[in-house]
Amino acid sequence: MKGIVLSLGIPRGRRLHLPDLRLLLRRHGVVLLFAALLLTGLVLGAACARRADAQTLRSLDFLFTTNLDARLSQGTFGTFCACFASDFIFLFSAYLLGTAAWGIPFLLALVCFKGFGTGVTAGYLCLTHGVSGAGFYLLVLLPGTFLFCSVLIRFCADSFGFSRRMFRLSLSRQSPALSLREELLRFSARFLTALCVTFAASLLDALLWTLFAGTFHF
């Protein structure tokens, strides 16, 4: 707890007063918004997992891990490709929406949908396979999912800011103070950084699937 207080820039011995809270929201409000949307989607997905049928789970498997039989039959490389393709779709969608002046509402929906699919996966495993399914999710799926969701939230916050900038430029008659090309290059550099982390998350997924997935019998 002490480390959290220090990382937020709050001196020791002080309580979090209203001005501190406003400063925190001003600096990290967009990140907190996307984190809240992801958690909301997670809860909704877990609640809907009980009513999801086999056809629904198969249709979601390209974006989320909802078809264990198909995933377990793949090798290490196939697992990596499946995980990376799924994560890349979300990350690249966030990049494209960030370059659009109208992208903010869709960015919010994108993160909520990612949370929903993650919740469906977790809820399905726990409801269908009980303790074994929960252990499988915590040991095999959660580490890579947590890493990717963290970088997705951070990058969506960057996309939110760039999309807001594009929206303001579309309404303004004045020339931008900074070159739009320079801003786009900076935004693209952040995308490449997020893509590298996504690559690492997919490698982690593939490694955990290879090492531990065979120990669970469904």
C-alpha atoms as a PDB file:
ATOM      1  CA  MET A   1       0.000   0.000   0.000  1.00  0.00           C
ATOM      2  CA  LYS A   2       2.871   2.347   0.810  1.00  0.00           C
ATOM      3  CA  GLY A   3       4.294   1.771  -2.665  1.00  0.00           C
ATOM      4  CA  ILE A   4       0.970   2.653  -4.298  1.00  0.00           C
ATOM      5  CA  VAL A   5       0.756   5.908  -2.350  1.00  0.00           C
ATOM      6  CA  LEU A   6       4.304   6.881  -3.309  1.00  0.00           C
ATOM      7  CA  SER A   7       3.785   5.935  -6.972  1.00  0.00           C
ATOM      8  CA  LEU A   8       0.779   8.255  -7.169  1.00  0.00           C
ATOM      9  CA  GLY A   9       2.878  11.145  -5.924  1.00  0.00           C
ATOM     10  CA  ILE A  10       1.110  11.526  -2.577  1.00  0.00           C
ATOM     11  CA  PRO A  11       3.494  12.376   0.279  1.00  0.00           C
ATOM     12  CA  ARG A  12       3.617  10.041   3.234  1.00  0.00           C
ATOM     13  CA  GLY A  13       1.444  10.982   6.169  1.00  0.00           C
ATOM     14  CA  ARG A  14      -1.141  12.748   4.032  1.00  0.00           C
ATOM     15  CA  ARG A  15      -4.641  11.636   3.231  1.00  0.00           C
ATOM     16  CA  LEU A  16      -6.047  11.742  -0.259  1.00  0.00           C
ATOM     17  CA  HIS A  17      -7.875  15.072  -0.266  1.00  0.00           C
ATOM     18  CA  LEU A  18     -10.184  16.349  -2.982  1.00  0.00           C
ATOM     19  CA  PRO A  19      -7.470  18.336  -4.824  1.00  0.00           C
ATOM     20  CA  ASP A  20      -5.284  15.213  -4.896  1.00  0.00           C
ATOM     21  CA  LEU A  21      -8.186  13.204  -6.282  1.00  0.00           C
ATOM     22  CA  ARG A  22      -8.796  15.794  -8.972  1.00  0.00           C
ATOM     23  CA  LEU A  23      -5.119  15.723  -9.925  1.00  0.00           C
ATOM     24  CA  LEU A  24      -5.202  11.930 -10.065  1.00  0.00           C
ATOM     25  CA  LEU A  25      -8.269  11.973 -12.313  1.00  0.00           C
ATOM     26  CA  ARG A  26      -6.768  14.654 -14.528  1.00  0.00           C
ATOM     27  CA  ARG A  27      -3.591  12.639 -15.056  1.00  0.00           C
ATOM     28  CA  HIS A  28      -4.992   9.130 -15.194  1.00  0.00           C
ATOM     29  CA  GLY A  29      -8.728   9.607 -15.665  1.00  0.00           C
ATOM     30  CA  VAL A  30      -8.845   8.148 -19.182  1.00  0.00           C
ATOM     31  CA  VAL A  31      -6.840   5.087 -18.143  1.00  0.00           C
ATOM     32  CA  LEU A  32      -9.150   4.561 -15.170  1.00  0.00           C
ATOM     33  CA  LEU A  33     -12.166   4.942 -17.463  1.00  0.00           C
ATOM     34  CA  PHE A  34     -10.949   2.203 -19.789  1.00  0.00           C
ATOM     35  CA  ALA A  35     -10.040  -0.024 -16.838  1.00  0.00           C
ATOM     36  CA  ALA A  36     -13.564   0.439 -15.462  1.00  0.00           C
ATOM     37  CA  LEU A  37     -15.073  -0.419 -18.859  1.00  0.00           C
ATOM     38  CA  LEU A  38     -12.952  -3.561 -19.095  1.00  0.00           C
ATOM     39  CA  LEU A  39     -14.048  -4.664 -15.628  1.00  0.00           C
ATOM     40  CA  THR A  40     -17.676  -3.900 -16.469  1.00  0.00           C
ATOM     41  CA  GLY A  41     -17.456  -6.044 -19.584  1.00  0.00           C
ATOM     42  CA  LEU A  42     -15.736  -8.762 -17.556  1.00  0.00           C
ATOM     43  CA  VAL A  43     -18.595  -8.899 -15.065  1.00  0.00           C
ATOM     44  CA  LEU A  44     -21.227  -8.892 -17.819  1.00  0.00           C
ATOM     45  CA  GLY A  45     -19.409 -11.639 -19.704  1.00  0.00           C
ATOM     46  CA  ALA A  46     -19.116 -13.811 -16.615  1.00  0.00           C
ATOM     47  CA  ALA A  47     -22.835 -13.315 -15.944  1.00  0.00           C
ATOM     48  CA  CYS A  48     -23.757 -14.251 -19.518  1.00  0.00           C
ATOM     49  CA  ALA A  49     -21.495 -17.330 -19.605  1.00  0.00           C
ATOM     50  CA  ARG A  50     -24.211 -19.439 -17.975  1.00  0.00           C
ATOM     51  CA  ARG A  51     -26.555 -18.817 -20.924  1.00  0.00           C
ATOM     52  CA  ALA A  52     -23.945 -19.175 -23.699  1.00  0.00           C
ATOM     53  CA  ASP A  53     -24.525 -22.171 -25.975  1.00  0.00           C
ATOM     54  CA  ALA A  54     -21.948 -24.176 -27.926  1.00  0.00           C
ATOM     55  CA  GLN A  55     -22.546 -22.268 -31.166  1.00  0.00           C
ATOM     56  CA  THR A  56     -21.928 -18.932 -29.455  1.00  0.00           C
ATOM     57  CA  LEU A  57     -18.714 -20.196 -27.903  1.00  0.00           C
ATOM     58  CA  ARG A  58     -17.454 -21.493 -31.246  1.00  0.00           C
ATOM     59  CA  SER A  59     -18.196 -18.178 -32.949  1.00  0.00           C
ATOM     60  CA  LEU A  60     -16.244 -16.275 -30.281  1.00  0.00           C
ATOM     61  CA  ASP A  61     -13.252 -18.595 -30.327  1.00  0.00           C
ATOM     62  CA  PHE A  62     -11.371 -16.578 -32.964  1.00  0.00           C
ATOM     63  CA  LEU A  63     -11.267 -13.583 -30.634  1.00  0.00           C
ATOM     64  CA  PHE A  64     -11.364 -15.370 -27.278  1.00  0.00           C
ATOM     65  CA  THR A  65     -10.440 -18.789 -25.909  1.00  0.00           C
ATOM     66  CA  THR A  66     -13.884 -20.390 -25.777  1.00  0.00           C
ATOM     67  CA  ASN A  67     -13.252 -23.669 -27.631  1.00  0.00           C
ATOM     68  CA  LEU A  68     -10.803 -25.630 -25.501  1.00  0.00           C
ATOM     69  CA  ASP A  69     -10.945 -28.772 -27.617  1.00  0.00           C
ATOM     70  CA  ALA A  70      -9.703 -26.911 -30.688  1.00  0.00           C
ATOM     71  CA  ARG A  71      -7.037 -25.004 -28.773  1.00  0.00           C
ATOM     72  CA  LEU A  72      -5.729 -28.092 -26.977  1.00  0.00           C
ATOM     73  CA  SER A  73      -5.265 -29.893 -30.286  1.00  0.00           C
ATOM     74  CA  GLN A  74      -2.934 -27.174 -31.584  1.00  0.00           C
ATOM     75  CA  GLY A  75       0.830 -27.174 -31.166  1.00  0.00           C
ATOM     76  CA  THR A  76       2.922 -24.433 -29.613  1.00  0.00           C
ATOM     77  CA  PHE A  77       3.208 -22.451 -32.830  1.00  0.00           C
ATOM     78  CA  GLY A  78      -0.512 -22.753 -33.551  1.00  0.00           C
ATOM     79  CA  THR A  79      -1.334 -21.549 -30.049  1.00  0.00           C
ATOM     80  CA  PHE A  80       0.987 -18.570 -30.436  1.00  0.00           C
ATOM     81  CA  CYS A  81      -0.529 -17.634 -33.799  1.00  0.00           C
ATOM     82  CA  ALA A  82      -4.079 -17.905 -32.439  1.00  0.00           C
ATOM     83  CA  CYS A  83      -3.286 -15.742 -29.395  1.00  0.00           C
ATOM     84  CA  PHE A  84      -1.336 -13.150 -31.354  1.00  0.00           C
ATOM     85  CA  ALA A  85      -3.954 -12.888 -34.111  1.00  0.00           C
ATOM     86  CA  SER A  86      -6.708 -12.307 -31.561  1.00  0.00           C
ATOM     87  CA  ASP A  87      -4.747  -9.672 -29.638  1.00  0.00           C
ATOM     88  CA  PHE A  88      -3.523  -7.982 -32.825  1.00  0.00           C
ATOM     89  CA  ILE A  89      -7.095  -7.457 -34.024  1.00  0.00           C
ATOM     90  CA  PHE A  90      -7.975  -5.558 -30.850  1.00  0.00           C
ATOM     91  CA  LEU A  91      -4.765  -3.531 -30.807  1.00  0.00           C
ATOM     92  CA  PHE A  92      -4.861  -2.625 -34.505  1.00  0.00           C
ATOM     93  CA  SER A  93      -8.542  -1.698 -34.213  1.00  0.00           C
ATOM     94  CA  ALA A  94      -7.614   0.673 -31.382  1.00  0.00           C
ATOM     95  CA  TYR A  95      -4.917   2.195 -33.603  1.00  0.00           C
ATOM     96  CA  LEU A  96      -7.302   2.756 -36.513  1.00  0.00           C
ATOM     97  CA  LEU A  97      -9.997   4.190 -34.246  1.00  0.00           C
ATOM     98  CA  GLY A  98      -7.413   6.508 -32.703  1.00  0.00           C
ATOM     99  CA  THR A  99      -6.676   8.048 -36.092  1.00  0.00           C
ATOM    100  CA  ALA A 100     -10.374   8.746 -36.687  1.00  0.00           C
ATOM    101  CA  ALA A 101     -12.121  11.875 -35.429  1.00  0.00           C
ATOM    102  CA  TRP A 102     -15.180   9.774 -34.547  1.00  0.00           C
ATOM    103  CA  GLY A 103     -13.270   6.929 -32.912  1.00  0.00           C
ATOM    104  CA  ILE A 104     -13.829   7.607 -29.207  1.00  0.00           C
ATOM    105  CA  PRO A 105     -17.253   5.884 -28.785  1.00  0.00           C
ATOM    106  CA  PHE A 106     -15.972   2.829 -30.635  1.00  0.00           C
ATOM    107  CA  LEU A 107     -12.826   2.721 -28.497  1.00  0.00           C
ATOM    108  CA  LEU A 108     -15.013   2.560 -25.406  1.00  0.00           C
ATOM    109  CA  ALA A 109     -17.081  -0.236 -26.944  1.00  0.00           C
ATOM    110  CA  LEU A 110     -13.932  -2.096 -28.031  1.00  0.00           C
ATOM    111  CA  VAL A 111     -12.512  -2.281 -24.515  1.00  0.00           C
ATOM    112  CA  CYS A 112     -15.863  -3.256 -23.052  1.00  0.00           C
ATOM    113  CA  PHE A 113     -16.177  -6.035 -25.653  1.00  0.00           C
ATOM    114  CA  LYS A 114     -12.699  -7.310 -24.797  1.00  0.00           C
ATOM    115  CA  GLY A 115     -13.714  -7.477 -21.148  1.00  0.00           C
ATOM    116  CA  PHE A 116     -16.971  -9.208 -22.087  1.00  0.00           C
ATOM    117  CA  GLY A 117     -15.199 -11.945 -24.041  1.00  0.00           C
ATOM    118  CA  THR A 118     -12.658 -12.426 -21.280  1.00  0.00           C
ATOM    119  CA  GLY A 119     -15.484 -12.751 -18.765  1.00  0.00           C
ATOM    120  CA  VAL A 120     -17.284 -15.298 -20.944  1.00  0.00           C
ATOM    121  CA  THR A 121     -14.110 -17.399 -21.126  1.00  0.00           C
ATOM    122  CA  ALA A 122     -13.508 -17.267 -17.376  1.00  0.00           C
ATOM    123  CA  GLY A 123     -17.155 -17.891 -16.519  1.00  0.00           C
ATOM    124  CA  TYR A 124     -17.458 -20.774 -18.978  1.00  0.00           C
ATOM    125  CA  LEU A 125     -14.389 -22.533 -17.595  1.00  0.00           C
ATOM    126  CA  CYS A 126     -15.482 -22.116 -13.994  1.00  0.00           C
ATOM    127  CA  LEU A 127     -19.108 -23.130 -14.591  1.00  0.00           C
ATOM    128  CA  THR A 128     -18.355 -26.063 -16.867  1.00  0.00           C
ATOM    129  CA  HIS A 129     -15.231 -27.531 -15.270  1.00  0.00           C
ATOM    130  CA  GLY A 130     -15.407 -26.239 -11.705  1.00  0.00           C
ATOM    131  CA  VAL A 131     -12.162 -26.025  -9.745  1.00  0.00           C
ATOM    132  CA  SER A 132     -10.176 -27.561 -12.595  1.00  0.00           C
ATOM    133  CA  GLY A 133     -11.446 -24.904 -14.996  1.00  0.00           C
ATOM    134  CA  ALA A 134     -10.679 -22.121 -12.536  1.00  0.00           C
ATOM    135  CA  GLY A 135      -7.168 -23.456 -12.043  1.00  0.00           C
ATOM    136  CA  PHE A 136      -6.668 -23.715 -15.792  1.00  0.00           C
ATOM    137  CA  TYR A 137      -7.721 -20.109 -16.264  1.00  0.00           C
ATOM    138  CA  LEU A 138      -5.570 -18.770 -13.438  1.00  0.00           C
ATOM    139  CA  LEU A 139      -2.466 -20.733 -14.385  1.00  0.00           C
ATOM    140  CA  VAL A 140      -2.615 -20.849 -18.180  1.00  0.00           C
ATOM    141  CA  LEU A 141      -4.804 -18.027 -19.487  1.00  0.00           C
ATOM    142  CA  LEU A 142      -4.711 -15.240 -16.918  1.00  0.00           C
ATOM    143  CA  PRO A 143      -1.005 -14.179 -17.086  1.00  0.00           C
ATOM    144  CA  GLY A 144      -1.011 -13.458 -20.819  1.00  0.00           C
ATOM    145  CA  THR A 145      -4.525 -12.030 -20.712  1.00  0.00           C
ATOM    146  CA  PHE A 146      -3.622  -9.668 -17.867  1.00  0.00           C
ATOM    147  CA  LEU A 147      -0.492  -8.478 -19.685  1.00  0.00           C
ATOM    148  CA  PHE A 148      -2.346  -7.802 -22.911  1.00  0.00           C
ATOM    149  CA  CYS A 149      -5.322  -6.128 -21.225  1.00  0.00           C
ATOM    150  CA  SER A 150      -2.925  -3.828 -19.381  1.00  0.00           C
ATOM    151  CA  VAL A 151      -1.223  -2.711 -22.588  1.00  0.00           C
ATOM    152  CA  LEU A 152      -4.580  -2.456 -24.383  1.00  0.00           C
ATOM    153  CA  ILE A 153      -5.949  -0.108 -21.715  1.00  0.00           C
ATOM    154  CA  ARG A 154      -2.819   2.053 -21.867  1.00  0.00           C
ATOM    155  CA  PHE A 155      -2.811   2.219 -25.659  1.00  0.00           C
ATOM    156  CA  CYS A 156      -6.552   2.903 -25.847  1.00  0.00           C
ATOM    157  CA  ALA A 157      -5.945   5.891 -23.578  1.00  0.00           C
ATOM    158  CA  ASP A 158      -3.368   7.126 -26.113  1.00  0.00           C
ATOM    159  CA  SER A 159      -5.827   6.453 -28.938  1.00  0.00           C
ATOM    160  CA  PHE A 160      -8.492   8.374 -27.015  1.00  0.00           C
ATOM    161  CA  GLY A 161      -6.223  11.417 -26.828  1.00  0.00           C
ATOM    162  CA  PHE A 162      -5.233  11.251 -30.497  1.00  0.00           C
ATOM    163  CA  SER A 163      -8.824  10.779 -31.652  1.00  0.00           C
ATOM    164  CA  ARG A 164      -9.901  13.751 -29.530  1.00  0.00           C
ATOM    165  CA  ARG A 165      -7.110  15.766 -31.154  1.00  0.00           C
ATOM    166  CA  MET A 166      -8.342  14.757 -34.616  1.00  0.00           C
ATOM    167  CA  PHE A 167     -11.903  15.705 -33.688  1.00  0.00           C
ATOM    168  CA  ARG A 168     -10.850  19.148 -32.533  1.00  0.00           C
ATOM    169  CA  LEU A 169      -8.811  19.682 -35.686  1.00  0.00           C
ATOM    170  CA  SER A 170     -11.792  18.733 -37.822  1.00  0.00           C
ATOM    171  CA  LEU A 171     -13.817  21.505 -36.172  1.00  0.00           C
ATOM    172  CA  SER A 172     -11.065  24.126 -35.995  1.00  0.00           C
ATOM    173  CA  ARG A 173     -10.177  26.534 -38.775  1.00  0.00           C
ATOM    174  CA  GLN A 174      -6.715  27.197 -37.359  1.00  0.00           C
ATOM    175  CA  SER A 175      -3.570  25.323 -38.296  1.00  0.00           C
ATOM    176  CA  PRO A 176      -2.279  22.938 -35.595  1.00  0.00           C
ATOM    177  CA  ALA A 177       0.584  24.194 -33.446  1.00  0.00           C
ATOM    178  CA  LEU A 178       2.479  20.932 -33.992  1.00  0.00           C
ATOM    179  CA  SER A 179       2.872  19.075 -37.248  1.00  0.00           C
ATOM    180  CA  LEU A 180       0.148  16.456 -37.547  1.00  0.00           C
ATOM    181  CA  ARG A 181       2.691  14.187 -39.186  1.00  0.00           C
ATOM    182  CA  GLU A 182       4.920  14.379 -36.089  1.00  0.00           C
ATOM    183  CA  GLU A 183       2.005  13.588 -33.814  1.00  0.00           C
ATOM    184  CA  LEU A 184       1.022  10.624 -35.981  1.00  0.00           C
ATOM    185  CA  LEU A 185       4.600   9.324 -35.885  1.00  0.00           C
ATOM    186  CA  ARG A 186       4.624   9.521 -32.081  1.00  0.00           C
ATOM    187  CA  PHE A 187       1.288   7.747 -31.917  1.00  0.00           C
ATOM    188  CA  SER A 188       2.521   5.068 -34.315  1.00  0.00           C
ATOM    189  CA  ALA A 189       5.644   4.589 -32.184  1.00  0.00           C
ATOM    190  CA  ARG A 190       3.409   3.918 -29.170  1.00  0.00           C
ATOM    191  CA  PHE A 191       1.496   1.397 -31.262  1.00  0.00           C
ATOM    192  CA  LEU A 192       4.718  -0.430 -32.123  1.00  0.00           C
ATOM    193  CA  THR A 193       5.688  -0.490 -28.446  1.00  0.00           C
ATOM    194  CA  ALA A 194       2.277  -1.908 -27.526  1.00  0.00           C
ATOM    195  CA  LEU A 195       2.644  -4.433 -30.346  1.00  0.00           C
ATOM    196  CA  CYS A 196       5.955  -5.642 -28.906  1.00  0.00           C
ATOM    197  CA  VAL A 197       4.304  -6.191 -25.520  1.00  0.00           C
ATOM    198  CA  THR A 198       1.451  -7.993 -27.264  1.00  0.00           C
ATOM    199  CA  PHE A 199       3.994 -10.258 -28.948  1.00  0.00           C
ATOM    200  CA  ALA A 200       5.504 -11.026 -25.531  1.00  0.00           C
ATOM    201  CA  ALA A 201       2.033 -11.750 -24.094  1.00  0.00           C
ATOM    202  CA  SER A 202       1.356 -14.212 -26.921  1.00  0.00           C
ATOM    203  CA  LEU A 203       4.690 -15.927 -26.300  1.00  0.00           C
ATOM    204  CA  LEU A 204       3.780 -16.215 -22.633  1.00  0.00           C
ATOM    205  CA  ASP A 205       0.401 -17.699 -23.576  1.00  0.00           C
ATOM    206  CA  ALA A 206       2.029 -20.253 -25.876  1.00  0.00           C
ATOM    207  CA  LEU A 207       4.620 -21.186 -23.243  1.00  0.00           C
ATOM    208  CA  LEU A 208       2.035 -21.698 -20.509  1.00  0.00           C
ATOM    209  CA  TRP A 209      -0.225 -23.702 -22.822  1.00  0.00           C
ATOM    210  CA  THR A 210       2.706 -25.946 -23.758  1.00  0.00           C
ATOM    211  CA  LEU A 211       3.877 -26.474 -20.190  1.00  0.00           C
ATOM    212  CA  PHE A 212       0.633 -26.820 -18.266  1.00  0.00           C
ATOM    213  CA  ALA A 213      -2.381 -27.320 -20.541  1.00  0.00           C
ATOM    214  CA  GLY A 214      -1.742 -31.055 -20.804  1.00  0.00           C
ATOM    215  CA  THR A 215      -2.010 -31.480 -17.047  1.00  0.00           C
ATOM    216  CA  PHE A 216      -5.698 -30.507 -17.097  1.00  0.00           C
ATOM    217  CA  HIS A 217      -8.222 -33.069 -18.324  1.00  0.00           C
ATOM    218  CA  PHE A 218     -11.591 -31.755 -19.450  1.00  0.00           C
END
